[in-house]
Amino acid sequence: MLDRNDFETRIFSYYLPLQRVRAFVDRNLSEPIPLRTAARAAGLEEKYFSAFFHRKTGVCFRDWLAGRRVERAIEILKQRDDTITSVAASVGFQDLRTFERAFKRLTGLTPRELKRSVAPRVMPPLQAQEEEGEPQEHDEDPDGDQGVAWHRPGLRDLAPPETLPALLKAAPAILRLPMPL
């Protein structure tokens, strides 16, 4: 049985008007794309295009377009730390509230929840060091997250030396600054 992505790939590669629309949308995702413009890209009349698109894909053009935009927003949120507002604008949503509603409807999460779930986290200090009797100074987490212990001496204490390069890539910039010992 085909999953949704395989189905969409086959449908959009089989029908030439849908190929054209998909290519047009991929090139212009950040711009407003009304039905009339998509119909022109497909080479069809607006009313016929709307019915054709729905009949062949099972969804209306507007919902499909919102899905494409949300997919791209997810990619952006996973790749880099950017504001929700700028991500929404970069994928073509003119209104933040519309973006948030579409995102929640399609993913079950808010954009902020997804962003928090994919953001790299600093590893807490090893519990064994505390149990061995070495006193450690803990500060409050600057982001307000629960369950992460912040250790003043430095990153060397967070992980074995061989894992430090990977940890440095994932650490917030403030933790990469030189710290007084």
C-alpha atoms as a PDB file:
ATOM      1  CA  MET A   1       0.000   0.000   0.000  1.00  0.00           C
ATOM      2  CA  LEU A   2       1.265   3.492  -0.862  1.00  0.00           C
ATOM      3  CA  ASP A   3       1.818   6.057   1.839  1.00  0.00           C
ATOM      4  CA  ARG A   4       0.688   9.652   1.324  1.00  0.00           C
ATOM      5  CA  ASN A   5       4.068  10.885   0.028  1.00  0.00           C
ATOM      6  CA  ASP A   6       4.358   8.052  -2.527  1.00  0.00           C
ATOM      7  CA  PHE A   7       0.792   8.671  -3.638  1.00  0.00           C
ATOM      8  CA  GLU A   8       1.413  12.390  -4.078  1.00  0.00           C
ATOM      9  CA  THR A   9       4.647  11.779  -5.966  1.00  0.00           C
ATOM     10  CA  ARG A  10       2.931   9.409  -8.386  1.00  0.00           C
ATOM     11  CA  ILE A  11      -0.097  11.658  -8.929  1.00  0.00           C
ATOM     12  CA  PHE A  12       1.978  14.783  -9.485  1.00  0.00           C
ATOM     13  CA  SER A  13       4.374  13.045 -11.852  1.00  0.00           C
ATOM     14  CA  TYR A  14       1.580  11.413 -13.872  1.00  0.00           C
ATOM     15  CA  TYR A  15      -0.550  14.469 -14.654  1.00  0.00           C
ATOM     16  CA  LEU A  16       1.248  17.244 -16.551  1.00  0.00           C
ATOM     17  CA  PRO A  17      -0.893  20.117 -15.140  1.00  0.00           C
ATOM     18  CA  LEU A  18      -0.094  18.923 -11.607  1.00  0.00           C
ATOM     19  CA  GLN A  19       3.614  18.699 -12.476  1.00  0.00           C
ATOM     20  CA  ARG A  20       3.527  22.318 -13.591  1.00  0.00           C
ATOM     21  CA  VAL A  21       1.683  23.464 -10.461  1.00  0.00           C
ATOM     22  CA  ARG A  22       4.040  21.622  -8.157  1.00  0.00           C
ATOM     23  CA  ALA A  23       7.110  23.093  -9.880  1.00  0.00           C
ATOM     24  CA  PHE A  24       5.569  26.572  -9.774  1.00  0.00           C
ATOM     25  CA  VAL A  25       4.708  26.245  -6.075  1.00  0.00           C
ATOM     26  CA  ASP A  26       8.181  24.943  -5.227  1.00  0.00           C
ATOM     27  CA  ARG A  27       9.755  27.953  -6.967  1.00  0.00           C
ATOM     28  CA  ASN A  28       7.344  30.512  -5.456  1.00  0.00           C
ATOM     29  CA  LEU A  29       6.465  29.051  -2.054  1.00  0.00           C
ATOM     30  CA  SER A  30       7.260  32.260  -0.185  1.00  0.00           C
ATOM     31  CA  GLU A  31       4.958  34.335  -2.425  1.00  0.00           C
ATOM     32  CA  PRO A  32       1.160  34.530  -2.282  1.00  0.00           C
ATOM     33  CA  ILE A  33      -0.247  31.918  -4.689  1.00  0.00           C
ATOM     34  CA  PRO A  34      -3.952  32.402  -5.345  1.00  0.00           C
ATOM     35  CA  LEU A  35      -5.979  29.726  -7.145  1.00  0.00           C
ATOM     36  CA  ARG A  36      -6.050  31.840 -10.304  1.00  0.00           C
ATOM     37  CA  THR A  37      -2.249  31.938 -10.473  1.00  0.00           C
ATOM     38  CA  ALA A  38      -1.949  28.192  -9.854  1.00  0.00           C
ATOM     39  CA  ALA A  39      -4.532  27.525 -12.589  1.00  0.00           C
ATOM     40  CA  ARG A  40      -2.509  29.650 -15.004  1.00  0.00           C
ATOM     41  CA  ALA A  41       0.649  27.719 -14.076  1.00  0.00           C
ATOM     42  CA  ALA A  42      -1.214  24.471 -14.804  1.00  0.00           C
ATOM     43  CA  GLY A  43      -2.487  25.823 -18.104  1.00  0.00           C
ATOM     44  CA  LEU A  44      -6.128  25.374 -17.091  1.00  0.00           C
ATOM     45  CA  GLU A  45      -9.159  27.580 -16.456  1.00  0.00           C
ATOM     46  CA  GLU A  46      -9.612  28.450 -12.776  1.00  0.00           C
ATOM     47  CA  LYS A  47     -12.868  26.562 -12.068  1.00  0.00           C
ATOM     48  CA  TYR A  48     -11.774  23.521 -14.038  1.00  0.00           C
ATOM     49  CA  PHE A  49      -8.380  23.518 -12.300  1.00  0.00           C
ATOM     50  CA  SER A  50     -10.005  23.592  -8.867  1.00  0.00           C
ATOM     51  CA  ALA A  51     -12.219  20.597  -9.651  1.00  0.00           C
ATOM     52  CA  PHE A  52      -9.403  18.759 -11.462  1.00  0.00           C
ATOM     53  CA  PHE A  53      -6.961  19.285  -8.584  1.00  0.00           C
ATOM     54  CA  HIS A  54      -9.461  18.080  -5.983  1.00  0.00           C
ATOM     55  CA  ARG A  55     -10.537  15.073  -8.058  1.00  0.00           C
ATOM     56  CA  LYS A  56      -6.962  13.904  -8.687  1.00  0.00           C
ATOM     57  CA  THR A  57      -5.385  14.615  -5.280  1.00  0.00           C
ATOM     58  CA  GLY A  58      -8.299  14.272  -2.872  1.00  0.00           C
ATOM     59  CA  VAL A  59      -7.669  17.693  -1.310  1.00  0.00           C
ATOM     60  CA  CYS A  60      -8.416  21.224  -2.387  1.00  0.00           C
ATOM     61  CA  PHE A  61      -5.562  23.335  -3.696  1.00  0.00           C
ATOM     62  CA  ARG A  62      -5.579  25.711  -0.721  1.00  0.00           C
ATOM     63  CA  ASP A  63      -5.187  22.849   1.784  1.00  0.00           C
ATOM     64  CA  TRP A  64      -2.466  21.212  -0.299  1.00  0.00           C
ATOM     65  CA  LEU A  65      -0.583  24.515  -0.523  1.00  0.00           C
ATOM     66  CA  ALA A  66      -0.833  25.018   3.258  1.00  0.00           C
ATOM     67  CA  GLY A  67       0.534  21.489   3.717  1.00  0.00           C
ATOM     68  CA  ARG A  68       3.504  22.211   1.439  1.00  0.00           C
ATOM     69  CA  ARG A  69       4.217  25.405   3.359  1.00  0.00           C
ATOM     70  CA  VAL A  70       4.012  23.664   6.729  1.00  0.00           C
ATOM     71  CA  GLU A  71       6.335  20.894   5.473  1.00  0.00           C
ATOM     72  CA  ARG A  72       8.888  23.517   4.469  1.00  0.00           C
ATOM     73  CA  ALA A  73       8.461  25.326   7.802  1.00  0.00           C
ATOM     74  CA  ILE A  74       9.209  22.081   9.634  1.00  0.00           C
ATOM     75  CA  GLU A  75      12.407  21.665   7.606  1.00  0.00           C
ATOM     76  CA  ILE A  76      13.483  25.210   8.473  1.00  0.00           C
ATOM     77  CA  LEU A  77      12.687  24.804  12.174  1.00  0.00           C
ATOM     78  CA  LYS A  78      14.719  21.588  12.291  1.00  0.00           C
ATOM     79  CA  GLN A  79      17.698  23.131  10.482  1.00  0.00           C
ATOM     80  CA  ARG A  80      18.197  26.442  12.251  1.00  0.00           C
ATOM     81  CA  ASP A  81      17.133  28.674  15.109  1.00  0.00           C
ATOM     82  CA  ASP A  82      14.858  31.269  13.543  1.00  0.00           C
ATOM     83  CA  THR A  83      11.842  33.139  14.852  1.00  0.00           C
ATOM     84  CA  ILE A  84       8.418  31.634  14.222  1.00  0.00           C
ATOM     85  CA  THR A  85       7.343  34.876  12.538  1.00  0.00           C
ATOM     86  CA  SER A  86      10.215  34.847  10.059  1.00  0.00           C
ATOM     87  CA  VAL A  87       9.686  31.145   9.299  1.00  0.00           C
ATOM     88  CA  ALA A  88       5.995  31.810   8.624  1.00  0.00           C
ATOM     89  CA  ALA A  89       6.844  34.678   6.273  1.00  0.00           C
ATOM     90  CA  SER A  90       9.581  32.720   4.504  1.00  0.00           C
ATOM     91  CA  VAL A  91       7.169  29.922   3.590  1.00  0.00           C
ATOM     92  CA  GLY A  92       4.471  32.269   2.330  1.00  0.00           C
ATOM     93  CA  PHE A  93       2.058  32.771   5.207  1.00  0.00           C
ATOM     94  CA  GLN A  94       0.946  36.392   5.281  1.00  0.00           C
ATOM     95  CA  ASP A  95      -0.421  36.142   8.819  1.00  0.00           C
ATOM     96  CA  LEU A  96       1.208  34.518  11.866  1.00  0.00           C
ATOM     97  CA  ARG A  97      -2.110  33.361  13.301  1.00  0.00           C
ATOM     98  CA  THR A  98      -3.043  31.615  10.046  1.00  0.00           C
ATOM     99  CA  PHE A  99       0.344  29.889  10.055  1.00  0.00           C
ATOM    100  CA  GLU A 100      -0.068  28.720  13.645  1.00  0.00           C
ATOM    101  CA  ARG A 101      -3.576  27.363  12.985  1.00  0.00           C
ATOM    102  CA  ALA A 102      -2.512  25.508   9.822  1.00  0.00           C
ATOM    103  CA  PHE A 103       0.591  24.139  11.557  1.00  0.00           C
ATOM    104  CA  LYS A 104      -1.422  22.871  14.530  1.00  0.00           C
ATOM    105  CA  ARG A 105      -4.129  21.383  12.292  1.00  0.00           C
ATOM    106  CA  LEU A 106      -1.609  19.494  10.161  1.00  0.00           C
ATOM    107  CA  THR A 107       0.946  18.402  12.778  1.00  0.00           C
ATOM    108  CA  GLY A 108      -0.906  18.378  16.084  1.00  0.00           C
ATOM    109  CA  LEU A 109       1.793  20.677  17.516  1.00  0.00           C
ATOM    110  CA  THR A 110       2.252  24.404  17.606  1.00  0.00           C
ATOM    111  CA  PRO A 111       5.321  25.758  15.790  1.00  0.00           C
ATOM    112  CA  ARG A 112       6.817  26.684  19.164  1.00  0.00           C
ATOM    113  CA  GLU A 113       6.346  23.143  20.506  1.00  0.00           C
ATOM    114  CA  LEU A 114       8.062  21.673  17.457  1.00  0.00           C
ATOM    115  CA  LYS A 115      10.887  24.192  17.697  1.00  0.00           C
ATOM    116  CA  ARG A 116      11.489  23.315  21.345  1.00  0.00           C
ATOM    117  CA  SER A 117      11.404  19.589  20.607  1.00  0.00           C
ATOM    118  CA  VAL A 118      14.094  19.794  17.910  1.00  0.00           C
ATOM    119  CA  ALA A 119      16.384  22.330  19.591  1.00  0.00           C
ATOM    120  CA  PRO A 120      19.712  20.885  20.769  1.00  0.00           C
ATOM    121  CA  ARG A 121      20.035  20.530  24.525  1.00  0.00           C
ATOM    122  CA  VAL A 122      23.056  20.646  26.790  1.00  0.00           C
ATOM    123  CA  MET A 123      23.736  17.424  28.598  1.00  0.00           C
ATOM    124  CA  PRO A 124      23.368  17.666  32.384  1.00  0.00           C
ATOM    125  CA  PRO A 125      26.494  17.085  34.470  1.00  0.00           C
ATOM    126  CA  LEU A 126      27.304  13.508  35.229  1.00  0.00           C
ATOM    127  CA  GLN A 127      25.542  12.442  38.421  1.00  0.00           C
ATOM    128  CA  ALA A 128      28.505  10.266  39.404  1.00  0.00           C
ATOM    129  CA  GLN A 129      30.649  13.341  40.074  1.00  0.00           C
ATOM    130  CA  GLU A 130      28.144  14.664  42.597  1.00  0.00           C
ATOM    131  CA  GLU A 131      27.895  11.286  44.300  1.00  0.00           C
ATOM    132  CA  GLU A 132      31.694  11.076  44.662  1.00  0.00           C
ATOM    133  CA  GLY A 133      31.569  14.088  46.930  1.00  0.00           C
ATOM    134  CA  GLU A 134      32.916  16.752  44.575  1.00  0.00           C
ATOM    135  CA  PRO A 135      30.951  19.897  45.329  1.00  0.00           C
ATOM    136  CA  GLN A 136      29.464  21.466  42.206  1.00  0.00           C
ATOM    137  CA  GLU A 137      27.914  24.878  41.838  1.00  0.00           C
ATOM    138  CA  HIS A 138      24.538  24.882  40.049  1.00  0.00           C
ATOM    139  CA  ASP A 139      22.861  27.911  38.542  1.00  0.00           C
ATOM    140  CA  GLU A 140      19.341  28.366  37.329  1.00  0.00           C
ATOM    141  CA  ASP A 141      18.717  27.455  33.721  1.00  0.00           C
ATOM    142  CA  PRO A 142      18.673  30.711  31.712  1.00  0.00           C
ATOM    143  CA  ASP A 143      15.873  29.370  29.457  1.00  0.00           C
ATOM    144  CA  GLY A 144      13.717  28.337  32.397  1.00  0.00           C
ATOM    145  CA  ASP A 145      13.759  24.633  31.412  1.00  0.00           C
ATOM    146  CA  GLN A 146      13.259  22.146  34.192  1.00  0.00           C
ATOM    147  CA  GLY A 147      15.559  19.213  34.779  1.00  0.00           C
ATOM    148  CA  VAL A 148      18.786  20.617  33.306  1.00  0.00           C
ATOM    149  CA  ALA A 149      21.530  21.268  35.820  1.00  0.00           C
ATOM    150  CA  TRP A 150      23.924  24.031  34.810  1.00  0.00           C
ATOM    151  CA  HIS A 151      27.498  23.533  35.940  1.00  0.00           C
ATOM    152  CA  ARG A 152      29.775  26.573  36.260  1.00  0.00           C
ATOM    153  CA  PRO A 153      33.294  25.109  35.692  1.00  0.00           C
ATOM    154  CA  GLY A 154      32.893  24.464  31.953  1.00  0.00           C
ATOM    155  CA  LEU A 155      32.071  22.114  29.131  1.00  0.00           C
ATOM    156  CA  ARG A 156      34.972  19.782  29.906  1.00  0.00           C
ATOM    157  CA  ASP A 157      33.001  18.540  32.892  1.00  0.00           C
ATOM    158  CA  LEU A 158      29.879  17.743  30.858  1.00  0.00           C
ATOM    159  CA  ALA A 159      31.187  15.000  28.610  1.00  0.00           C
ATOM    160  CA  PRO A 160      34.259  12.910  27.834  1.00  0.00           C
ATOM    161  CA  PRO A 161      36.830  14.742  25.649  1.00  0.00           C
ATOM    162  CA  GLU A 162      36.031  12.663  22.536  1.00  0.00           C
ATOM    163  CA  THR A 163      32.414  13.925  22.515  1.00  0.00           C
ATOM    164  CA  LEU A 164      33.238  17.608  23.026  1.00  0.00           C
ATOM    165  CA  PRO A 165      33.241  18.620  19.312  1.00  0.00           C
ATOM    166  CA  ALA A 166      29.695  17.299  18.850  1.00  0.00           C
ATOM    167  CA  LEU A 167      28.606  18.892  22.115  1.00  0.00           C
ATOM    168  CA  LEU A 168      30.074  22.251  21.128  1.00  0.00           C
ATOM    169  CA  LYS A 169      28.037  22.261  17.927  1.00  0.00           C
ATOM    170  CA  ALA A 170      24.851  21.703  19.898  1.00  0.00           C
ATOM    171  CA  ALA A 171      25.625  23.996  22.850  1.00  0.00           C
ATOM    172  CA  PRO A 172      24.029  27.429  23.028  1.00  0.00           C
ATOM    173  CA  ALA A 173      26.458  30.234  22.210  1.00  0.00           C
ATOM    174  CA  ILE A 174      26.522  31.453  25.805  1.00  0.00           C
ATOM    175  CA  LEU A 175      28.026  28.141  26.927  1.00  0.00           C
ATOM    176  CA  ARG A 176      30.780  28.366  24.323  1.00  0.00           C
ATOM    177  CA  LEU A 177      32.100  31.638  25.733  1.00  0.00           C
ATOM    178  CA  PRO A 178      35.210  31.405  27.913  1.00  0.00           C
ATOM    179  CA  MET A 179      34.198  30.978  31.522  1.00  0.00           C
ATOM    180  CA  PRO A 180      36.257  31.975  34.535  1.00  0.00           C
ATOM    181  CA  LEU A 181      37.426  29.022  36.592  1.00  0.00           C
END
